[in-house]
């Protein structure tokens, strides 16, 4: 389990090191025949720790000496340096196998069977079937293995040797996993990659310190996201401003990177920006066990569920405040619809219908003036019978929201103690009722999940006993699985809501801090809007008086709705 994810843009594997025939005599021989003698070398990171005996240089020397002594010709090296022998996803071995399939190989020579593979099943398949089918002779020098003599006693033990090679790989993997688990549990950082925005501490290479120049760009990326821009828009802006991408920046700094120099040093990938926005370590914590692999045969990195990761706070200086990081994750969960014109609005993703609770879509055209842009209920636009037209012009929405935010700023800055006391009382009343409802529903959901587990066992037993046919079993199993998945999602959401309600006092103080931070605003900015507001609900227009009137309700981040008018009247009284 490692967190070996790099913030560099591209990830290239080690190139295949193919060496042409070693001298003029071999060159002459190569022209005389089509087939080659393949000399294969492999070294893994674990093997490298065992000293010179398995080094690539030593393997080359042994293989070439053996080949020349036994008068093999057309010698060509295939090398995998830094690759495990547990699978065949190695560039060197893949190129060699391609040559075998093309019938261009007469003989393959390796130092020993473990250099070829530590997967006994795959090794046996290639040696006994693939190579035999293509007439390829296979030699493992140290194991006295040579397929030219199928009656050799040493060949009879090849399967056992392959099994021991596999056992060694399994044992090594277990030990490495155990060491990494112990280190991770202690809070030691498992990744060796230093992310963009940090650099190694010269006095202690295991520690990170802030790289001020790169950290400035990281902060800029988060700020742009807070303003409502997505990864592709941010990437385009960084490229336009000629900001070096992470790989180019590291190379300019003279720092090691496994990636090749990009053709365009200012080209930012959308995935790189997205990765930075989701990289929790920028808040100053260490996150271990973010990924896992199923076995030594399956190298695919899978994401570990959040609840199974280990987080250690304050292990290095933070670049991004936790509250900003959390807010950005909320924004990233929203899906902003891009208009065909390329225009965007800072309220996109924040505006909802007060009746059906669905989003209001931002609508504009290339020939609209700014005052003509509007938001409209997505449900109404799809089906006018399902919801009425909650239409509001963007400029009107901005005026109303900005006016309300100004009133909130005024109340908090002028009457902070009063605001705190009143909101604490209101939040406590709301919280008690909300907690009661959430906890009741949570208990129901958890009980139903347990019931579904028992039902799964029952229908399985009925199916095995023949009391339930396969078709009904499949249908019921699918229904139970879907219901349980939905319930588990709901449970997770309810648990988060309960935690949020239980932190009301802390949330209130944090909101007051944000208000003071924005107390000198002279106009509404996208950043301030996202920092203060969680959602805006638009009522249907009221035309009963002959004039079009429309109310909005603003849910502020962390504390919900703030009845400014009521607070002002009570304070003045």
Protein backbone atom coordinates (compact mmCIF):
# COMPACT_ATOMS: atom_id res chain seq x y z
CA UNK A 1 0.00 0.00 0.00
CA UNK A 2 1.63 3.12 -1.16
CA UNK A 3 0.53 6.59 -2.02
CA UNK A 4 2.87 6.81 -4.97
CA UNK A 5 0.82 9.37 -6.88
CA UNK A 6 2.74 12.24 -8.51
CA UNK A 7 1.44 15.69 -9.31
CA UNK A 8 3.47 15.64 -12.51
CA UNK A 9 1.42 15.68 -15.65
CA UNK A 10 2.38 12.47 -17.42
CA UNK A 11 3.73 9.19 -16.18
CA UNK A 12 6.09 7.24 -18.44
CA UNK A 13 7.44 3.75 -17.76
CA UNK A 14 11.12 2.92 -17.85
CA UNK A 15 12.14 2.49 -21.48
CA UNK A 16 13.17 -0.89 -22.83
CA UNK A 17 16.92 -1.08 -23.01
CA UNK A 18 17.66 -3.03 -26.16
CA UNK A 19 21.31 -3.46 -27.05
CA UNK A 20 22.42 -4.24 -30.56
CA UNK A 21 24.86 -7.12 -31.24
CA UNK A 22 27.95 -6.56 -29.19
CA UNK A 23 30.70 -6.52 -31.82
CA UNK A 24 31.54 -6.72 -35.54
CA UNK A 25 31.59 -10.53 -35.55
CA UNK A 26 28.07 -10.67 -34.11
CA UNK A 27 26.94 -8.01 -36.59
CA UNK A 28 28.17 -10.15 -39.46
CA UNK A 29 26.33 -13.14 -38.01
CA UNK A 30 23.12 -11.10 -37.66
CA UNK A 31 23.11 -10.43 -41.38
CA UNK A 32 23.53 -14.13 -42.03
CA UNK A 33 20.36 -15.24 -40.20
CA UNK A 34 17.00 -13.74 -39.29
CA UNK A 35 16.59 -15.03 -35.74
CA UNK A 36 18.19 -13.55 -32.63
CA UNK A 37 19.46 -14.88 -29.33
CA UNK A 38 17.58 -12.90 -26.67
CA UNK A 39 19.48 -12.17 -23.45
CA UNK A 40 16.91 -11.09 -20.86
CA UNK A 41 17.79 -9.21 -17.64
CA UNK A 42 15.44 -8.07 -14.88
CA UNK A 43 16.02 -6.26 -11.61
CA UNK A 44 13.28 -5.26 -9.14
CA UNK A 45 13.65 -2.70 -6.38
CA UNK A 46 13.68 -5.49 -3.78
CA UNK A 47 16.36 -7.42 -5.71
CA UNK A 48 18.51 -4.30 -5.85
CA UNK A 49 18.74 -4.35 -2.06
CA UNK A 50 20.45 -7.75 -2.16
CA UNK A 51 23.68 -6.42 -3.63
CA UNK A 52 25.65 -6.78 -6.85
CA UNK A 53 24.80 -10.41 -7.67
CA UNK A 54 21.50 -9.58 -9.34
CA UNK A 55 22.48 -6.17 -10.74
CA UNK A 56 21.78 -5.50 -14.40
CA UNK A 57 25.51 -5.11 -15.04
CA UNK A 58 26.30 -8.49 -13.49
CA UNK A 59 23.47 -10.20 -15.38
CA UNK A 60 24.70 -8.74 -18.68
CA UNK A 61 28.22 -9.98 -17.99
CA UNK A 62 27.05 -13.52 -17.13
CA UNK A 63 24.67 -13.77 -20.09
CA UNK A 64 27.13 -12.47 -22.67
CA UNK A 65 29.95 -14.72 -21.40
CA UNK A 66 27.68 -17.78 -21.52
CA UNK A 67 26.36 -16.93 -24.99
CA UNK A 68 29.84 -16.44 -26.43
CA UNK A 69 31.21 -19.55 -24.77
CA UNK A 70 28.41 -21.63 -26.33
CA UNK A 71 28.69 -19.80 -29.67
CA UNK A 72 25.25 -18.27 -29.74
CA UNK A 73 24.92 -15.49 -32.34
CA UNK A 74 22.85 -12.36 -33.02
CA UNK A 75 22.88 -11.39 -29.34
CA UNK A 76 20.27 -8.82 -28.31
CA UNK A 77 19.62 -7.63 -24.78
CA UNK A 78 16.14 -7.01 -23.37
CA UNK A 79 16.18 -5.25 -20.00
CA UNK A 80 13.60 -4.42 -17.30
CA UNK A 81 15.24 -2.34 -14.59
CA UNK A 82 13.06 -1.70 -11.55
CA UNK A 83 10.22 -4.10 -12.37
CA UNK A 84 8.69 -6.90 -10.31
CA UNK A 85 8.69 -10.42 -11.72
CA UNK A 86 5.17 -11.15 -10.49
CA UNK A 87 3.49 -10.04 -13.72
CA UNK A 88 4.39 -9.59 -17.36
CA UNK A 89 3.45 -5.90 -17.71
CA UNK A 90 7.09 -5.02 -18.22
CA UNK A 91 8.28 -3.14 -21.30
CA UNK A 92 11.35 -5.33 -21.84
CA UNK A 93 9.54 -8.67 -21.56
CA UNK A 94 6.66 -7.39 -23.68
CA UNK A 95 9.02 -6.45 -26.49
CA UNK A 96 10.72 -9.85 -26.20
CA UNK A 97 7.38 -11.68 -26.36
CA UNK A 98 6.43 -9.66 -29.42
CA UNK A 99 9.64 -10.83 -31.10
CA UNK A 100 8.78 -14.43 -30.15
CA UNK A 101 5.28 -14.12 -31.62
CA UNK A 102 6.85 -12.77 -34.82
CA UNK A 103 9.11 -15.86 -35.01
CA UNK A 104 12.27 -13.75 -34.82
CA UNK A 105 13.78 -15.47 -31.73
CA UNK A 106 15.73 -18.73 -31.70
CA UNK A 107 16.88 -18.80 -28.06
CA UNK A 108 16.16 -16.97 -24.81
CA UNK A 109 18.81 -16.96 -22.08
CA UNK A 110 18.30 -15.71 -18.52
CA UNK A 111 20.52 -15.82 -15.44
CA UNK A 112 17.95 -17.93 -13.56
CA UNK A 113 14.23 -18.67 -13.70
CA UNK A 114 13.40 -15.95 -11.15
CA UNK A 115 14.75 -13.31 -13.55
CA UNK A 116 12.18 -14.41 -16.13
CA UNK A 117 9.21 -14.60 -13.75
CA UNK A 118 8.08 -15.10 -10.17
CA UNK A 119 4.63 -16.22 -11.29
CA UNK A 120 4.82 -20.01 -11.59
CA UNK A 121 1.63 -20.40 -13.67
CA UNK A 122 2.60 -17.74 -16.23
CA UNK A 123 6.22 -18.92 -16.38
CA UNK A 124 5.07 -22.48 -17.09
CA UNK A 125 2.63 -21.33 -19.76
CA UNK A 126 5.23 -19.32 -21.68
CA UNK A 127 8.07 -21.85 -21.36
CA UNK A 128 6.07 -25.01 -22.01
CA UNK A 129 3.56 -23.72 -24.56
CA UNK A 130 4.30 -20.33 -26.15
CA UNK A 131 8.05 -20.84 -26.58
CA UNK A 132 7.60 -24.48 -27.64
CA UNK A 133 5.00 -23.47 -30.21
CA UNK A 134 7.40 -20.99 -31.80
CA UNK A 135 10.42 -23.28 -31.57
CA UNK A 136 12.23 -21.09 -29.03
CA UNK A 137 14.90 -22.69 -26.86
CA UNK A 138 14.85 -21.41 -23.25
CA UNK A 139 17.92 -21.48 -20.97
CA UNK A 140 18.21 -20.54 -17.28
CA UNK A 141 21.94 -20.68 -16.57
CA UNK A 142 22.13 -20.97 -12.78
CA UNK A 143 19.24 -23.46 -12.65
CA UNK A 144 20.83 -25.75 -15.28
CA UNK A 145 17.57 -25.50 -17.18
CA UNK A 146 17.55 -25.98 -20.97
CA UNK A 147 14.47 -26.95 -22.96
CA UNK A 148 16.65 -28.56 -25.64
CA UNK A 149 16.86 -31.61 -23.34
CA UNK A 150 13.32 -32.42 -22.13
CA UNK A 151 14.58 -35.56 -20.32
CA UNK A 152 16.99 -33.67 -18.05
CA UNK A 153 16.41 -34.22 -14.32
CA UNK A 154 17.07 -30.49 -13.75
CA UNK A 155 14.18 -29.70 -16.08
CA UNK A 156 11.90 -31.88 -13.97
CA UNK A 157 12.55 -29.61 -10.99
CA UNK A 158 11.78 -26.41 -12.92
CA UNK A 159 8.17 -26.38 -11.74
CA UNK A 160 9.30 -26.63 -8.12
CA UNK A 161 11.84 -23.84 -8.64
CA UNK A 162 9.15 -21.64 -10.19
CA UNK A 163 6.92 -22.34 -7.20
CA UNK A 164 9.71 -21.33 -4.80
CA UNK A 165 10.32 -18.17 -6.83
CA UNK A 166 6.63 -17.34 -6.50
CA UNK A 167 6.71 -18.15 -2.78
CA UNK A 168 9.65 -15.76 -2.39
CA UNK A 169 7.67 -13.01 -4.13
CA UNK A 170 4.64 -13.64 -1.91
CA UNK A 171 6.77 -13.67 1.24
CA UNK A 172 8.55 -10.46 0.23
CA UNK A 173 5.22 -8.81 -0.56
CA UNK A 174 3.82 -9.79 2.85
CA UNK A 175 6.85 -8.36 4.63
CA UNK A 176 6.74 -5.11 2.66
CA UNK A 177 3.01 -4.74 3.32
CA UNK A 178 3.54 -5.39 7.03
CA UNK A 179 6.34 -2.80 7.21
CA UNK A 180 4.28 -0.23 5.30
CA UNK A 181 1.24 -0.89 7.48
CA UNK A 182 3.27 -0.39 10.65
CA UNK A 183 4.83 2.80 9.29
CA UNK A 184 1.47 4.09 8.10
CA UNK A 185 -0.20 3.38 11.43
CA UNK A 186 2.56 5.37 13.17
CA UNK A 187 1.91 8.34 10.91
CA UNK A 188 5.03 8.03 8.81
CA UNK A 189 4.46 9.30 5.29
CA UNK A 190 4.28 6.36 2.85
CA UNK A 191 4.77 8.31 -0.37
CA UNK A 192 8.25 9.26 -1.53
CA UNK A 193 6.90 11.88 -3.95
CA UNK A 194 6.96 15.48 -2.78
CA UNK A 195 3.85 17.17 -4.20
CA UNK A 196 3.88 20.40 -6.17
CA UNK A 197 3.86 23.24 -3.62
CA UNK A 198 6.30 21.57 -1.23
CA UNK A 199 9.95 20.56 -1.20
CA UNK A 200 12.12 18.41 1.06
CA UNK A 201 13.53 19.99 4.19
CA UNK A 202 17.33 20.16 3.68
CA UNK A 203 17.85 19.37 7.38
CA UNK A 204 15.45 16.40 7.36
CA UNK A 205 14.53 14.95 3.92
CA UNK A 206 11.59 13.08 5.44
CA UNK A 207 9.87 16.38 6.19
CA UNK A 208 8.19 18.80 3.78
CA UNK A 209 8.52 22.57 3.78
CA UNK A 210 6.57 25.04 1.67
CA UNK A 211 7.94 25.93 -1.76
CA UNK A 212 6.69 29.52 -1.80
CA UNK A 213 6.68 29.98 -5.58
CA UNK A 214 4.77 26.78 -6.30
CA UNK A 215 2.52 27.26 -3.24
CA UNK A 216 1.42 30.61 -4.70
CA UNK A 217 0.10 28.76 -7.77
CA UNK A 218 -1.64 26.14 -5.60
CA UNK A 219 -3.42 28.95 -3.73
CA UNK A 220 -4.34 30.54 -7.04
CA UNK A 221 -5.87 27.26 -8.27
CA UNK A 222 -8.02 26.97 -5.14
CA UNK A 223 -9.05 30.63 -5.37
CA UNK A 224 -10.12 30.19 -9.00
CA UNK A 225 -12.20 27.15 -8.02
CA UNK A 226 -13.82 29.17 -5.23
CA UNK A 227 -14.78 31.70 -7.88
CA UNK A 228 -16.67 28.99 -9.72
CA UNK A 229 -14.14 27.95 -12.36
CA UNK A 230 -13.74 24.28 -13.24
CA UNK A 231 -10.46 22.35 -13.80
CA UNK A 232 -10.47 22.85 -17.58
CA UNK A 233 -11.04 26.61 -17.22
CA UNK A 234 -8.32 26.86 -14.57
CA UNK A 235 -5.89 24.87 -16.73
CA UNK A 236 -6.57 27.15 -19.69
CA UNK A 237 -5.99 30.27 -17.59
CA UNK A 238 -2.70 28.96 -16.15
CA UNK A 239 -1.46 28.16 -19.66
CA UNK A 240 -2.54 31.60 -20.90
CA UNK A 241 -0.61 33.25 -18.06
CA UNK A 242 2.48 31.19 -19.01
CA UNK A 243 2.79 29.43 -15.65
CA UNK A 244 5.10 26.41 -15.73
CA UNK A 245 3.35 23.09 -15.21
CA UNK A 246 4.52 20.90 -12.25
CA UNK A 247 6.92 18.74 -14.29
CA UNK A 248 8.56 21.68 -16.03
CA UNK A 249 8.75 23.61 -12.76
CA UNK A 250 10.52 20.77 -10.92
CA UNK A 251 12.99 20.33 -13.76
CA UNK A 252 13.73 24.05 -13.85
CA UNK A 253 14.45 23.82 -10.11
CA UNK A 254 16.88 20.97 -10.74
CA UNK A 255 14.73 18.49 -8.82
CA UNK A 256 14.41 14.86 -9.87
CA UNK A 257 11.24 13.81 -11.66
CA UNK A 258 10.51 10.48 -13.37
CA UNK A 259 8.76 12.25 -16.23
CA UNK A 260 10.10 13.50 -19.52
CA UNK A 261 10.27 17.20 -20.26
CA UNK A 262 6.90 18.19 -21.74
CA UNK A 263 6.79 19.64 -25.24
CA UNK A 264 4.85 22.65 -23.93
CA UNK A 265 6.12 23.62 -20.48
CA UNK A 266 3.07 25.83 -19.92
CA UNK A 267 0.46 23.22 -20.85
CA UNK A 268 -1.62 22.24 -17.83
CA UNK A 269 -3.78 19.12 -17.94
CA UNK A 270 -7.28 19.26 -16.52
CA UNK A 271 -6.54 16.09 -14.51
CA UNK A 272 -3.53 17.75 -12.86
CA UNK A 273 -5.67 20.68 -11.70
CA UNK A 274 -8.37 18.31 -10.44
CA UNK A 275 -5.77 16.28 -8.53
CA UNK A 276 -4.40 19.41 -6.84
CA UNK A 277 -7.92 20.49 -5.84
CA UNK A 278 -8.55 17.11 -4.19
CA UNK A 279 -5.12 16.69 -2.55
CA UNK A 280 -5.92 16.86 1.16
CA UNK A 281 -2.28 17.07 2.19
CA UNK A 282 -2.35 20.78 1.28
CA UNK A 283 -4.20 21.34 4.57
CA UNK A 284 -1.10 20.22 6.50
CA UNK A 285 -2.04 16.59 7.15
CA UNK A 286 -0.64 13.22 6.10
CA UNK A 287 -3.07 10.74 4.55
CA UNK A 288 -1.95 7.10 4.47
CA UNK A 289 -3.49 4.04 2.82
CA UNK A 290 -5.23 6.03 0.07
CA UNK A 291 -4.90 3.15 -2.38
CA UNK A 292 -4.51 -0.62 -2.29
CA UNK A 293 -3.88 -3.58 -4.61
CA UNK A 294 -5.73 -6.88 -4.47
CA UNK A 295 -2.66 -9.12 -4.69
CA UNK A 296 0.89 -9.33 -5.98
CA UNK A 297 -0.56 -10.40 -9.34
CA UNK A 298 -2.98 -7.51 -9.65
CA UNK A 299 -1.02 -4.26 -9.62
CA UNK A 300 -4.00 -1.99 -10.31
CA UNK A 301 -4.23 0.76 -7.71
CA UNK A 302 -7.73 1.07 -6.24
CA UNK A 303 -9.01 3.89 -4.05
CA UNK A 304 -9.44 3.01 -0.39
CA UNK A 305 -12.79 4.19 1.08
CA UNK A 306 -12.41 7.45 3.02
CA UNK A 307 -13.32 5.82 6.32
CA UNK A 308 -10.45 3.30 5.99
CA UNK A 309 -7.73 5.88 5.41
CA UNK A 310 -5.48 7.13 8.19
CA UNK A 311 -5.24 10.90 8.58
CA UNK A 312 -2.61 12.56 10.78
CA UNK A 313 -3.11 16.29 11.30
CA UNK A 314 -0.46 19.03 11.46
CA UNK A 315 2.44 16.99 10.07
CA UNK A 316 3.70 19.82 7.83
CA UNK A 317 2.86 23.48 7.11
CA UNK A 318 -0.54 24.00 5.49
CA UNK A 319 -0.86 25.82 2.16
CA UNK A 320 -4.67 25.78 2.08
CA UNK A 321 -6.91 26.39 5.14
CA UNK A 322 -9.10 23.41 5.96
CA UNK A 323 -12.31 25.43 5.60
CA UNK A 324 -11.31 26.51 2.07
CA UNK A 325 -10.40 22.94 1.14
CA UNK A 326 -13.76 21.63 2.42
CA UNK A 327 -15.63 24.36 0.55
CA UNK A 328 -13.81 23.49 -2.66
CA UNK A 329 -14.82 19.84 -2.27
CA UNK A 330 -18.45 20.95 -2.03
CA UNK A 331 -18.06 23.03 -5.17
CA UNK A 332 -16.39 20.11 -6.96
CA UNK A 333 -19.41 17.92 -6.17
CA UNK A 334 -21.63 20.34 -8.08
CA UNK A 335 -21.88 19.97 -11.83
CA UNK A 336 -21.97 23.34 -13.56
CA UNK A 337 -23.57 23.36 -16.98
CA UNK A 338 -21.41 25.27 -19.44
CA UNK A 339 -23.38 27.48 -21.85
CA UNK A 340 -22.77 27.25 -25.59
CA UNK A 341 -21.53 30.86 -25.55
CA UNK A 342 -18.79 30.11 -23.05
CA UNK A 343 -20.30 32.62 -20.59
CA UNK A 344 -20.42 31.71 -16.94
CA UNK A 345 -22.15 33.17 -13.91
CA UNK A 346 -20.95 33.15 -10.31
CA UNK A 347 -24.36 31.91 -9.12
CA UNK A 348 -24.28 28.76 -11.29
CA UNK A 349 -24.77 25.69 -9.12
CA UNK A 350 -26.00 27.71 -6.13
CA UNK A 351 -29.57 28.58 -7.22
CA UNK A 352 -32.52 26.23 -6.62
CA UNK A 353 -36.28 26.23 -7.10
CA UNK A 354 -38.05 26.82 -3.78
CA UNK A 355 -40.83 24.39 -4.74
CA UNK A 356 -39.26 21.37 -6.48
CA UNK A 357 -35.76 22.00 -5.01
CA UNK A 358 -34.12 21.36 -8.40
CA UNK A 359 -31.43 23.62 -9.84
CA UNK A 360 -32.15 26.76 -11.79
CA UNK A 361 -30.27 26.72 -15.09
CA UNK A 362 -28.30 29.74 -16.21
CA UNK A 363 -29.51 30.86 -19.64
CA UNK A 364 -27.86 33.30 -22.01
CA UNK A 365 -27.06 33.84 -25.66
CA UNK A 366 -24.24 35.54 -27.51
CA UNK A 367 -26.52 38.49 -28.35
CA UNK A 368 -27.89 38.93 -24.80
CA UNK A 369 -26.82 41.94 -22.83
CA UNK A 370 -25.82 41.17 -19.25
CA UNK A 371 -29.17 42.44 -17.94
CA UNK A 372 -30.98 39.86 -20.11
CA UNK A 373 -29.28 36.75 -18.72
CA UNK A 374 -31.59 34.73 -16.48
CA UNK A 375 -32.03 31.61 -14.36
CA UNK A 376 -34.96 29.24 -14.89
CA UNK A 377 -36.20 26.11 -13.11
CA UNK A 378 -34.81 23.00 -14.76
CA UNK A 379 -37.98 21.02 -13.97
CA UNK A 380 -40.23 23.66 -15.55
CA UNK A 381 -38.08 23.86 -18.64
CA UNK A 382 -38.30 20.08 -19.13
CA UNK A 383 -41.99 19.79 -18.27
CA UNK A 384 -44.12 22.91 -17.66
CA UNK A 385 -46.82 20.86 -15.89
CA UNK A 386 -44.50 19.62 -13.14
CA UNK A 387 -43.38 22.99 -11.78
CA UNK A 388 -44.19 26.66 -12.40
CA UNK A 389 -41.74 29.02 -14.05
CA UNK A 390 -39.32 30.13 -11.34
CA UNK A 391 -37.63 32.64 -13.59
CA UNK A 392 -35.33 35.39 -12.30
CA UNK A 393 -32.92 37.69 -14.12
CA UNK A 394 -29.29 37.28 -13.10
CA UNK A 395 -28.81 41.01 -12.33
CA UNK A 396 -31.89 41.00 -10.07
CA UNK A 397 -30.63 37.91 -8.28
CA UNK A 398 -27.23 39.52 -7.73
CA UNK A 399 -28.82 42.73 -6.38
CA UNK A 400 -31.00 40.86 -3.90
CA UNK A 401 -28.23 38.56 -2.69
CA UNK A 402 -25.71 41.37 -2.35
CA UNK A 403 -28.22 43.47 -0.37
CA UNK A 404 -28.89 40.59 2.03
CA UNK A 405 -25.17 39.85 2.49
CA UNK A 406 -24.53 43.54 3.25
CA UNK A 407 -27.25 43.42 5.92
CA UNK A 408 -25.71 40.29 7.45
CA UNK A 409 -22.27 41.91 7.48
CA UNK A 410 -23.75 44.99 9.14
CA UNK A 411 -25.54 43.04 11.87
CA UNK A 412 -22.52 40.84 12.66
CA UNK A 413 -19.95 43.63 12.72
CA UNK A 414 -22.12 46.09 14.70
CA UNK A 415 -23.92 43.71 17.05
CA UNK A 416 -21.75 40.60 17.16
CA UNK A 417 -22.59 39.52 20.72
CA UNK A 418 -26.31 39.93 20.10
CA UNK A 419 -26.09 38.10 16.76
CA UNK A 420 -24.19 35.23 18.37
CA UNK A 421 -26.67 34.86 21.23
CA UNK A 422 -29.75 34.98 18.98
CA UNK A 423 -28.35 32.58 16.39
CA UNK A 424 -27.14 30.14 19.07
CA UNK A 425 -30.69 29.94 20.43
CA UNK A 426 -32.24 29.51 16.97
CA UNK A 427 -29.64 26.94 15.92
CA UNK A 428 -30.09 24.99 19.14
CA UNK A 429 -33.86 24.72 18.58
CA UNK A 430 -33.37 23.75 14.93
CA UNK A 431 -30.56 21.38 15.80
CA UNK A 432 -32.53 19.49 18.44
CA UNK A 433 -35.41 18.83 16.04
CA UNK A 434 -33.10 18.01 13.12
CA UNK A 435 -31.00 15.68 15.26
CA UNK A 436 -34.12 13.86 16.48
CA UNK A 437 -35.34 13.32 12.91
CA UNK A 438 -31.92 12.34 11.55
CA UNK A 439 -31.14 9.92 14.37
CA UNK A 440 -34.54 8.26 14.02
CA UNK A 441 -34.08 7.82 10.28
CA UNK A 442 -30.48 6.62 10.78
CA UNK A 443 -31.66 3.90 13.18
CA UNK A 444 -34.33 2.82 10.67
CA UNK A 445 -31.83 2.67 7.81
CA UNK A 446 -29.27 0.69 9.82
CA UNK A 447 -31.98 -1.76 10.95
CA UNK A 448 -33.12 -2.28 7.36
CA UNK A 449 -29.52 -2.91 6.20
CA UNK A 450 -29.23 -5.66 8.81
CA UNK A 451 -32.55 -7.13 7.69
CA UNK A 452 -31.34 -7.18 4.08
CA UNK A 453 -28.21 -9.07 5.15
CA UNK A 454 -30.43 -11.76 6.68
CA UNK A 455 -32.68 -11.83 3.60
CA UNK A 456 -29.64 -12.34 1.37
CA UNK A 457 -28.67 -15.41 3.38
CA UNK A 458 -32.24 -16.75 3.34
CA UNK A 459 -32.78 -16.47 -0.43
CA UNK A 460 -29.34 -17.95 -1.06
CA UNK A 461 -30.18 -20.96 1.08
CA UNK A 462 -33.60 -21.27 -0.62
CA UNK A 463 -31.94 -21.16 -4.03
CA UNK A 464 -29.38 -23.82 -3.11
CA UNK A 465 -32.14 -26.04 -1.66
CA UNK A 466 -34.24 -25.64 -4.81
CA UNK A 467 -37.07 -23.74 -3.08
CA UNK A 468 -36.32 -20.58 -5.13
CA UNK A 469 -35.54 -20.76 -8.83
CA UNK A 470 -32.52 -18.99 -10.33
CA UNK A 471 -34.57 -16.31 -12.10
CA UNK A 472 -36.39 -15.17 -8.97
CA UNK A 473 -33.17 -15.41 -6.95
CA UNK A 474 -31.37 -13.14 -9.44
CA UNK A 475 -34.25 -10.62 -9.42
CA UNK A 476 -34.56 -10.51 -5.62
CA UNK A 477 -30.79 -10.39 -5.17
CA UNK A 478 -30.54 -7.41 -7.54
CA UNK A 479 -33.37 -5.57 -5.77
CA UNK A 480 -31.87 -6.18 -2.33
CA UNK A 481 -28.41 -5.10 -3.53
CA UNK A 482 -29.75 -1.85 -4.98
CA UNK A 483 -31.81 -1.09 -1.87
CA UNK A 484 -28.87 -1.78 0.42
CA UNK A 485 -26.52 0.39 -1.65
CA UNK A 486 -29.01 3.28 -1.46
CA UNK A 487 -29.41 2.83 2.29
CA UNK A 488 -25.65 2.81 2.87
CA UNK A 489 -25.34 6.08 0.95
CA UNK A 490 -28.17 7.55 3.01
CA UNK A 491 -26.56 6.38 6.27
CA UNK A 492 -23.29 8.05 5.36
CA UNK A 493 -25.12 11.29 4.52
CA UNK A 494 -27.14 11.17 7.77
CA UNK A 495 -23.99 10.58 9.83
CA UNK A 496 -22.38 13.63 8.24
CA UNK A 497 -25.51 15.71 8.88
CA UNK A 498 -25.57 14.64 12.53
CA UNK A 499 -21.90 15.54 12.95
CA UNK A 500 -22.59 18.90 11.33
CA UNK A 501 -25.51 19.60 13.69
CA UNK A 502 -23.39 18.66 16.70
CA UNK A 503 -20.77 21.24 15.68
CA UNK A 504 -23.16 24.20 15.56
CA UNK A 505 -21.27 26.37 18.06
CA UNK A 506 -17.99 25.83 16.22
CA UNK A 507 -19.68 26.49 12.87
CA UNK A 508 -21.20 29.74 14.13
CA UNK A 509 -17.83 31.08 15.23
CA UNK A 510 -16.32 30.10 11.89
CA UNK A 511 -19.10 31.91 10.02
CA UNK A 512 -18.63 35.06 12.10
CA UNK A 513 -14.92 34.91 11.26
CA UNK A 514 -15.74 34.71 7.54
CA UNK A 515 -18.09 37.70 7.81
CA UNK A 516 -15.37 39.83 9.45
CA UNK A 517 -12.97 38.70 6.73
CA UNK A 518 -15.36 40.07 4.09
CA UNK A 519 -16.50 43.16 6.02
CA UNK A 520 -14.71 45.60 3.70
CA UNK A 521 -16.27 44.30 0.48
CA UNK A 522 -17.50 47.02 -1.87
CA UNK A 523 -19.10 44.58 -4.32
CA UNK A 524 -20.07 40.95 -4.40
CA UNK A 525 -17.20 38.76 -5.62
CA UNK A 526 -17.42 35.09 -6.68
CA UNK A 527 -14.99 34.11 -3.92
CA UNK A 528 -16.98 35.88 -1.18
CA UNK A 529 -20.23 34.42 -2.51
CA UNK A 530 -18.90 30.85 -2.38
CA UNK A 531 -17.33 31.44 1.03
CA UNK A 532 -20.53 32.75 2.64
CA UNK A 533 -23.46 31.20 0.76
CA UNK A 534 -24.38 27.53 0.45
CA UNK A 535 -27.62 27.76 -1.56
CA UNK A 536 -30.21 30.24 -2.79
CA UNK A 537 -33.88 29.26 -3.18
CA UNK A 538 -36.08 31.24 -5.56
CA UNK A 539 -39.85 31.45 -5.07
CA UNK A 540 -42.35 31.63 -7.92
CA UNK A 541 -43.17 35.25 -8.85
CA UNK A 542 -46.16 36.91 -7.14
CA UNK A 543 -48.21 39.02 -9.57
CA UNK A 544 -51.32 39.47 -7.38
CA UNK A 545 -50.67 43.19 -6.88
CA UNK A 546 -50.28 43.83 -10.58
CA UNK A 547 -46.53 44.01 -10.23
CA UNK A 548 -44.08 41.16 -10.46
CA UNK A 549 -42.58 40.43 -7.03
CA UNK A 550 -40.20 37.61 -6.29
CA UNK A 551 -38.67 36.47 -3.02
CA UNK A 552 -35.45 34.55 -2.48
CA UNK A 553 -34.20 32.66 0.56
CA UNK A 554 -30.45 32.45 1.24
CA UNK A 555 -28.99 29.49 3.10
CA UNK A 556 -25.62 30.59 4.46
CA UNK A 557 -22.76 28.14 4.73
CA UNK A 558 -22.37 26.49 8.16
CA UNK A 559 -25.47 28.08 9.79
CA UNK A 560 -28.33 28.06 7.27
CA UNK A 561 -30.97 30.82 7.02
CA UNK A 562 -30.44 34.15 8.82
CA UNK A 563 -33.63 36.20 9.50
CA UNK A 564 -31.95 39.58 9.18
CA UNK A 565 -35.19 41.62 9.38
CA UNK A 566 -36.26 39.85 12.58
CA UNK A 567 -32.84 40.30 14.16
CA UNK A 568 -32.71 44.00 13.29
CA UNK A 569 -36.20 44.68 14.66
CA UNK A 570 -35.53 42.78 17.88
CA UNK A 571 -32.19 44.57 18.36
CA UNK A 572 -33.71 48.01 17.77
CA UNK A 573 -36.58 47.23 20.15
